[in-house]
Amino acid sequence: PNTKRVYLAEFQHLLNLLDDYYVGDLNPKRLKD
């Protein structure tokens, strides 16, 4: 449960910044940024 909570929270942080941009389309450069 603790690992799941951390993973979901950190992933949600990324999704919030992406807004409508699909996370699966991220390339290495955008991930680095």
All heavy atoms as atom14 arrays in JSON, in Angstrom:
{
  "sequence": "PNTKRVYLAEFQHLLNLLDDYYVGDLNPKRLKD",
  "atom14_mask": [
    [1, 1, 1, 1, 1, 1, 1, 0, 0, 0, 0, 0, 0, 0],
    [1, 1, 1, 1, 1, 1, 1, 1, 0, 0, 0, 0, 0, 0],
    [1, 1, 1, 1, 1, 1, 1, 0, 0, 0, 0, 0, 0, 0],
    [1, 1, 1, 1, 1, 1, 1, 1, 1, 0, 0, 0, 0, 0],
    [1, 1, 1, 1, 1, 1, 1, 1, 1, 1, 1, 0, 0, 0],
    [1, 1, 1, 1, 1, 1, 1, 0, 0, 0, 0, 0, 0, 0],
    [1, 1, 1, 1, 1, 1, 1, 1, 1, 1, 1, 1, 0, 0],
    [1, 1, 1, 1, 1, 1, 1, 1, 0, 0, 0, 0, 0, 0],
    [1, 1, 1, 1, 1, 0, 0, 0, 0, 0, 0, 0, 0, 0],
    [1, 1, 1, 1, 1, 1, 1, 1, 1, 0, 0, 0, 0, 0],
    [1, 1, 1, 1, 1, 1, 1, 1, 1, 1, 1, 0, 0, 0],
    [1, 1, 1, 1, 1, 1, 1, 1, 1, 0, 0, 0, 0, 0],
    [1, 1, 1, 1, 1, 1, 1, 1, 1, 1, 0, 0, 0, 0],
    [1, 1, 1, 1, 1, 1, 1, 1, 0, 0, 0, 0, 0, 0],
    [1, 1, 1, 1, 1, 1, 1, 1, 0, 0, 0, 0, 0, 0],
    [1, 1, 1, 1, 1, 1, 1, 1, 0, 0, 0, 0, 0, 0],
    [1, 1, 1, 1, 1, 1, 1, 1, 0, 0, 0, 0, 0, 0],
    [1, 1, 1, 1, 1, 1, 1, 1, 0, 0, 0, 0, 0, 0],
    [1, 1, 1, 1, 1, 1, 1, 1, 0, 0, 0, 0, 0, 0],
    [1, 1, 1, 1, 1, 1, 1, 1, 0, 0, 0, 0, 0, 0],
    [1, 1, 1, 1, 1, 1, 1, 1, 1, 1, 1, 1, 0, 0],
    [1, 1, 1, 1, 1, 1, 1, 1, 1, 1, 1, 1, 0, 0],
    [1, 1, 1, 1, 1, 1, 1, 0, 0, 0, 0, 0, 0, 0],
    [1, 1, 1, 1, 0, 0, 0, 0, 0, 0, 0, 0, 0, 0],
    [1, 1, 1, 1, 1, 1, 1, 1, 0, 0, 0, 0, 0, 0],
    [1, 1, 1, 1, 1, 1, 1, 1, 0, 0, 0, 0, 0, 0],
    [1, 1, 1, 1, 1, 1, 1, 1, 0, 0, 0, 0, 0, 0],
    [1, 1, 1, 1, 1, 1, 1, 0, 0, 0, 0, 0, 0, 0],
    [1, 1, 1, 1, 1, 1, 1, 1, 1, 0, 0, 0, 0, 0],
    [1, 1, 1, 1, 1, 1, 1, 1, 1, 1, 1, 0, 0, 0],
    [1, 1, 1, 1, 1, 1, 1, 1, 0, 0, 0, 0, 0, 0],
    [1, 1, 1, 1, 1, 1, 1, 1, 1, 0, 0, 0, 0, 0],
    [1, 1, 1, 1, 1, 1, 1, 1, 0, 0, 0, 0, 0, 0]
  ],
  "atom14_positions": [
    [[0.81, -1.23, 0.0], [0.0, 0.0, 0.0], [0.84, 1.27, 0.0], [0.49, 2.24, -0.66], [-0.82, -0.13, 1.29], [-0.93, -1.6, 1.52], [0.39, -2.16, 1.07], [0.0, 0.0, 0.0], [0.0, 0.0, 0.0], [0.0, 0.0, 0.0], [0.0, 0.0, 0.0], [0.0, 0.0, 0.0], [0.0, 0.0, 0.0], [0.0, 0.0, 0.0]],
    [[1.96, 1.24, 0.72], [2.8, 2.44, 0.79], [3.47, 2.73, -0.55], [3.5, 3.88, -1.01], [3.86, 2.28, 1.88], [4.64, 3.56, 2.11], [4.06, 4.61, 2.42], [5.94, 3.51, 1.95], [0.0, 0.0, 0.0], [0.0, 0.0, 0.0], [0.0, 0.0, 0.0], [0.0, 0.0, 0.0], [0.0, 0.0, 0.0], [0.0, 0.0, 0.0]],
    [[4.01, 1.68, -1.19], [4.64, 1.85, -2.5], [3.61, 2.3, -3.53], [3.88, 3.19, -4.34], [5.29, 0.53, -2.96], [6.28, 0.14, -2.01], [5.95, 0.7, -4.33], [0.0, 0.0, 0.0], [0.0, 0.0, 0.0], [0.0, 0.0, 0.0], [0.0, 0.0, 0.0], [0.0, 0.0, 0.0], [0.0, 0.0, 0.0], [0.0, 0.0, 0.0]],
    [[2.44, 1.72, -3.46], [1.37, 2.1, -4.38], [1.0, 3.57, -4.2], [0.82, 4.3, -5.18], [0.15, 1.21, -4.15], [-1.03, 1.51, -5.06], [-2.19, 0.59, -4.76], [-3.42, 0.98, -5.57], [-4.59, 0.12, -5.26], [0.0, 0.0, 0.0], [0.0, 0.0, 0.0], [0.0, 0.0, 0.0], [0.0, 0.0, 0.0], [0.0, 0.0, 0.0]],
    [[0.91, 4.0, -2.97], [0.56, 5.39, -2.69], [1.6, 6.34, -3.27], [1.26, 7.36, -3.88], [0.45, 5.6, -1.17], [0.19, 7.03, -0.74], [0.19, 7.16, 0.78], [1.44, 6.72, 1.36], [2.54, 7.47, 1.39], [2.53, 8.69, 0.86], [3.63, 7.01, 1.96], [0.0, 0.0, 0.0], [0.0, 0.0, 0.0], [0.0, 0.0, 0.0]],
    [[2.88, 6.01, -3.08], [3.96, 6.85, -3.59], [3.94, 6.91, -5.11], [4.03, 7.99, -5.72], [5.33, 6.34, -3.08], [6.46, 7.08, -3.78], [5.44, 6.51, -1.58], [0.0, 0.0, 0.0], [0.0, 0.0, 0.0], [0.0, 0.0, 0.0], [0.0, 0.0, 0.0], [0.0, 0.0, 0.0], [0.0, 0.0, 0.0], [0.0, 0.0, 0.0]],
    [[3.83, 5.74, -5.75], [3.84, 5.69, -7.22], [2.69, 6.5, -7.81], [2.88, 7.26, -8.77], [3.74, 4.24, -7.69], [5.04, 3.48, -7.7], [6.05, 3.76, -6.78], [5.28, 2.47, -8.62], [7.24, 3.06, -6.79], [6.49, 1.76, -8.65], [7.45, 2.06, -7.72], [8.64, 1.36, -7.73], [0.0, 0.0, 0.0], [0.0, 0.0, 0.0]],
    [[1.51, 6.34, -7.25], [0.34, 7.04, -7.78], [0.46, 8.55, -7.57], [0.1, 9.34, -8.46], [-0.94, 6.51, -7.13], [-1.33, 5.09, -7.53], [-2.53, 4.62, -6.7], [-1.65, 5.0, -9.02], [0.0, 0.0, 0.0], [0.0, 0.0, 0.0], [0.0, 0.0, 0.0], [0.0, 0.0, 0.0], [0.0, 0.0, 0.0], [0.0, 0.0, 0.0]],
    [[0.97, 8.96, -6.42], [1.11, 10.39, -6.15], [2.14, 11.03, -7.08], [1.91, 12.13, -7.61], [1.52, 10.6, -4.69], [0.0, 0.0, 0.0], [0.0, 0.0, 0.0], [0.0, 0.0, 0.0], [0.0, 0.0, 0.0], [0.0, 0.0, 0.0], [0.0, 0.0, 0.0], [0.0, 0.0, 0.0], [0.0, 0.0, 0.0], [0.0, 0.0, 0.0]],
    [[3.27, 10.35, -7.28], [4.3, 10.91, -8.15], [3.86, 10.92, -9.61], [4.16, 11.85, -10.36], [5.61, 10.11, -8.0], [6.2, 10.12, -6.6], [6.52, 11.52, -6.09], [6.49, 12.49, -6.87], [6.8, 11.66, -4.88], [0.0, 0.0, 0.0], [0.0, 0.0, 0.0], [0.0, 0.0, 0.0], [0.0, 0.0, 0.0], [0.0, 0.0, 0.0]],
    [[3.13, 9.91, -10.01], [2.62, 9.85, -11.39], [1.57, 10.93, -11.61], [1.53, 11.57, -12.67], [2.03, 8.46, -11.65], [1.76, 8.17, -13.12], [2.8, 8.15, -14.04], [0.48, 7.93, -13.56], [2.55, 7.87, -15.38], [0.22, 7.66, -14.9], [1.26, 7.63, -15.81], [0.0, 0.0, 0.0], [0.0, 0.0, 0.0], [0.0, 0.0, 0.0]],
    [[0.75, 11.17, -10.6], [-0.28, 12.2, -10.71], [0.35, 13.58, -10.86], [-0.18, 14.44, -11.57], [-1.2, 12.17, -9.5], [-2.39, 13.12, -9.58], [-3.34, 12.77, -10.71], [-3.9, 11.68, -10.74], [-3.51, 13.69, -11.65], [0.0, 0.0, 0.0], [0.0, 0.0, 0.0], [0.0, 0.0, 0.0], [0.0, 0.0, 0.0], [0.0, 0.0, 0.0]],
    [[1.48, 13.79, -10.2], [2.19, 15.08, -10.31], [2.58, 15.33, -11.77], [2.41, 16.45, -12.29], [3.43, 15.07, -9.42], [4.25, 16.32, -9.5], [5.32, 16.46, -10.36], [4.15, 17.5, -8.82], [5.85, 17.67, -10.22], [5.15, 18.31, -9.29], [0.0, 0.0, 0.0], [0.0, 0.0, 0.0], [0.0, 0.0, 0.0], [0.0, 0.0, 0.0]],
    [[3.08, 14.31, -12.44], [3.44, 14.43, -13.85], [2.2, 14.69, -14.7], [2.2, 15.57, -15.57], [4.14, 13.15, -14.31], [4.39, 13.01, -15.82], [5.31, 14.13, -16.32], [4.99, 11.64, -16.14], [0.0, 0.0, 0.0], [0.0, 0.0, 0.0], [0.0, 0.0, 0.0], [0.0, 0.0, 0.0], [0.0, 0.0, 0.0], [0.0, 0.0, 0.0]],
    [[1.13, 13.95, -14.46], [-0.1, 14.11, -15.24], [-0.68, 15.51, -15.1], [-1.19, 16.08, -16.06], [-1.14, 13.06, -14.82], [-0.75, 11.59, -15.05], [-1.9, 10.68, -14.61], [-0.38, 11.32, -16.49], [0.0, 0.0, 0.0], [0.0, 0.0, 0.0], [0.0, 0.0, 0.0], [0.0, 0.0, 0.0], [0.0, 0.0, 0.0], [0.0, 0.0, 0.0]],
    [[-0.6, 16.07, -13.9], [-1.13, 17.42, -13.68], [-0.4, 18.45, -14.53], [-1.02, 19.38, -15.06], [-1.02, 17.79, -12.2], [-1.97, 17.0, -11.32], [-2.95, 16.42, -11.8], [-1.69, 16.95, -10.04], [0.0, 0.0, 0.0], [0.0, 0.0, 0.0], [0.0, 0.0, 0.0], [0.0, 0.0, 0.0], [0.0, 0.0, 0.0], [0.0, 0.0, 0.0]],
    [[0.9, 18.29, -14.67], [1.69, 19.22, -15.46], [1.46, 19.02, -16.96], [1.52, 19.97, -17.74], [3.18, 19.06, -15.15], [3.63, 19.53, -13.75], [5.09, 19.19, -13.53], [3.41, 21.03, -13.59], [0.0, 0.0, 0.0], [0.0, 0.0, 0.0], [0.0, 0.0, 0.0], [0.0, 0.0, 0.0], [0.0, 0.0, 0.0], [0.0, 0.0, 0.0]],
    [[1.17, 17.78, -17.34], [0.95, 17.5, -18.76], [-0.39, 18.01, -19.25], [-0.57, 18.28, -20.44], [1.04, 15.98, -19.01], [2.42, 15.34, -18.87], [2.32, 13.84, -19.04], [3.4, 15.93, -19.88], [0.0, 0.0, 0.0], [0.0, 0.0, 0.0], [0.0, 0.0, 0.0], [0.0, 0.0, 0.0], [0.0, 0.0, 0.0], [0.0, 0.0, 0.0]],
    [[-1.34, 18.09, -18.35], [-2.7, 18.53, -18.7], [-3.29, 17.56, -19.73], [-3.5, 16.4, -19.41], [-2.67, 19.97, -19.22], [-4.05, 20.61, -19.2], [-4.96, 20.05, -18.54], [-4.22, 21.65, -19.84], [0.0, 0.0, 0.0], [0.0, 0.0, 0.0], [0.0, 0.0, 0.0], [0.0, 0.0, 0.0], [0.0, 0.0, 0.0], [0.0, 0.0, 0.0]],
    [[-3.51, 18.0, -20.95], [-4.14, 17.14, -21.97], [-3.13, 16.39, -22.83], [-3.52, 15.62, -23.71], [-5.05, 17.98, -22.88], [-6.27, 18.53, -22.15], [-6.7, 17.87, -21.18], [-6.76, 19.61, -22.52], [0.0, 0.0, 0.0], [0.0, 0.0, 0.0], [0.0, 0.0, 0.0], [0.0, 0.0, 0.0], [0.0, 0.0, 0.0], [0.0, 0.0, 0.0]],
    [[-1.85, 16.62, -22.6], [-0.82, 15.94, -23.4], [-0.7, 14.49, -22.91], [-0.47, 14.23, -21.73], [0.52, 16.65, -23.27], [1.59, 16.13, -24.21], [1.75, 16.67, -25.47], [2.44, 15.1, -23.81], [2.73, 16.2, -26.33], [3.43, 14.61, -24.65], [3.57, 15.16, -25.91], [4.53, 14.68, -26.77], [0.0, 0.0, 0.0], [0.0, 0.0, 0.0]],
    [[-0.82, 13.53, -23.8], [-0.82, 12.11, -23.43], [0.55, 11.68, -22.9], [1.57, 11.87, -23.57], [-1.21, 11.25, -24.63], [-1.1, 9.77, -24.38], [-1.66, 9.17, -23.23], [-0.43, 8.94, -25.28], [-1.55, 7.81, -23.01], [-0.32, 7.57, -25.07], [-0.89, 7.02, -23.93], [-0.78, 5.66, -23.69], [0.0, 0.0, 0.0], [0.0, 0.0, 0.0]],
    [[0.57, 11.12, -21.7], [1.82, 10.73, -21.06], [2.61, 9.72, -21.89], [3.84, 9.71, -21.9], [1.54, 10.18, -19.64], [0.71, 8.9, -19.7], [2.84, 9.93, -18.88], [0.0, 0.0, 0.0], [0.0, 0.0, 0.0], [0.0, 0.0, 0.0], [0.0, 0.0, 0.0], [0.0, 0.0, 0.0], [0.0, 0.0, 0.0], [0.0, 0.0, 0.0]],
    [[1.92, 8.87, -22.62], [2.58, 7.86, -23.43], [3.36, 8.43, -24.6], [4.2, 7.74, -25.18], [0.0, 0.0, 0.0], [0.0, 0.0, 0.0], [0.0, 0.0, 0.0], [0.0, 0.0, 0.0], [0.0, 0.0, 0.0], [0.0, 0.0, 0.0], [0.0, 0.0, 0.0], [0.0, 0.0, 0.0], [0.0, 0.0, 0.0], [0.0, 0.0, 0.0]],
    [[3.11, 9.68, -24.95], [3.82, 10.32, -26.06], [5.08, 11.03, -25.62], [5.78, 11.63, -26.44], [2.9, 11.34, -26.75], [1.78, 10.66, -27.54], [1.95, 9.47, -27.89], [0.75, 11.31, -27.79], [0.0, 0.0, 0.0], [0.0, 0.0, 0.0], [0.0, 0.0, 0.0], [0.0, 0.0, 0.0], [0.0, 0.0, 0.0], [0.0, 0.0, 0.0]],
    [[5.4, 11.0, -24.34], [6.6, 11.67, -23.85], [7.85, 11.0, -24.4], [7.99, 9.79, -24.38], [6.65, 11.63, -22.32], [5.68, 12.56, -21.57], [5.74, 12.26, -20.08], [6.01, 14.01, -21.83], [0.0, 0.0, 0.0], [0.0, 0.0, 0.0], [0.0, 0.0, 0.0], [0.0, 0.0, 0.0], [0.0, 0.0, 0.0], [0.0, 0.0, 0.0]],
    [[8.77, 11.81, -24.89], [10.04, 11.29, -25.38], [11.12, 11.57, -24.33], [10.88, 12.3, -23.36], [10.41, 11.91, -26.74], [10.46, 13.44, -26.68], [10.85, 14.01, -25.67], [10.05, 14.09, -27.76], [0.0, 0.0, 0.0], [0.0, 0.0, 0.0], [0.0, 0.0, 0.0], [0.0, 0.0, 0.0], [0.0, 0.0, 0.0], [0.0, 0.0, 0.0]],
    [[12.32, 11.01, -24.49], [13.38, 11.21, -23.48], [13.68, 12.67, -23.19], [13.94, 13.03, -22.04], [14.58, 10.5, -24.11], [13.97, 9.41, -24.93], [12.72, 10.02, -25.51], [0.0, 0.0, 0.0], [0.0, 0.0, 0.0], [0.0, 0.0, 0.0], [0.0, 0.0, 0.0], [0.0, 0.0, 0.0], [0.0, 0.0, 0.0], [0.0, 0.0, 0.0]],
    [[13.63, 13.53, -24.21], [13.93, 14.94, -23.99], [12.9, 15.6, -23.09], [13.23, 16.35, -22.16], [14.01, 15.7, -25.32], [14.37, 17.18, -25.14], [14.36, 17.92, -26.45], [14.76, 19.39, -26.23], [13.91, 20.08, -25.23], [0.0, 0.0, 0.0], [0.0, 0.0, 0.0], [0.0, 0.0, 0.0], [0.0, 0.0, 0.0], [0.0, 0.0, 0.0]],
    [[11.63, 15.34, -23.35], [10.57, 15.95, -22.54], [10.6, 15.41, -21.12], [10.32, 16.13, -20.16], [9.21, 15.72, -23.17], [9.02, 16.46, -24.49], [7.57, 16.68, -24.83], [6.92, 17.57, -23.86], [5.72, 18.1, -24.06], [5.04, 17.85, -25.17], [5.18, 18.89, -23.14], [0.0, 0.0, 0.0], [0.0, 0.0, 0.0], [0.0, 0.0, 0.0]],
    [[10.93, 14.15, -20.96], [11.06, 13.58, -19.62], [12.22, 14.23, -18.88], [12.12, 14.54, -17.69], [11.27, 12.07, -19.71], [10.01, 11.23, -19.96], [10.38, 9.79, -20.28], [9.06, 11.29, -18.77], [0.0, 0.0, 0.0], [0.0, 0.0, 0.0], [0.0, 0.0, 0.0], [0.0, 0.0, 0.0], [0.0, 0.0, 0.0], [0.0, 0.0, 0.0]],
    [[13.33, 14.45, -19.58], [14.48, 15.11, -18.97], [14.11, 16.52, -18.52], [14.48, 16.96, -17.43], [15.65, 15.15, -19.95], [16.92, 15.75, -19.36], [18.07, 15.69, -20.36], [19.33, 16.27, -19.74], [20.48, 16.22, -20.7], [0.0, 0.0, 0.0], [0.0, 0.0, 0.0], [0.0, 0.0, 0.0], [0.0, 0.0, 0.0], [0.0, 0.0, 0.0]],
    [[13.37, 17.23, -19.37], [12.93, 18.59, -19.01], [12.05, 18.56, -17.76], [12.13, 19.45, -16.91], [12.16, 19.22, -20.18], [13.06, 19.56, -21.35], [14.29, 19.64, -21.15], [12.54, 19.73, -22.47], [0.0, 0.0, 0.0], [0.0, 0.0, 0.0], [0.0, 0.0, 0.0], [0.0, 0.0, 0.0], [0.0, 0.0, 0.0], [0.0, 0.0, 0.0]]
  ]
}
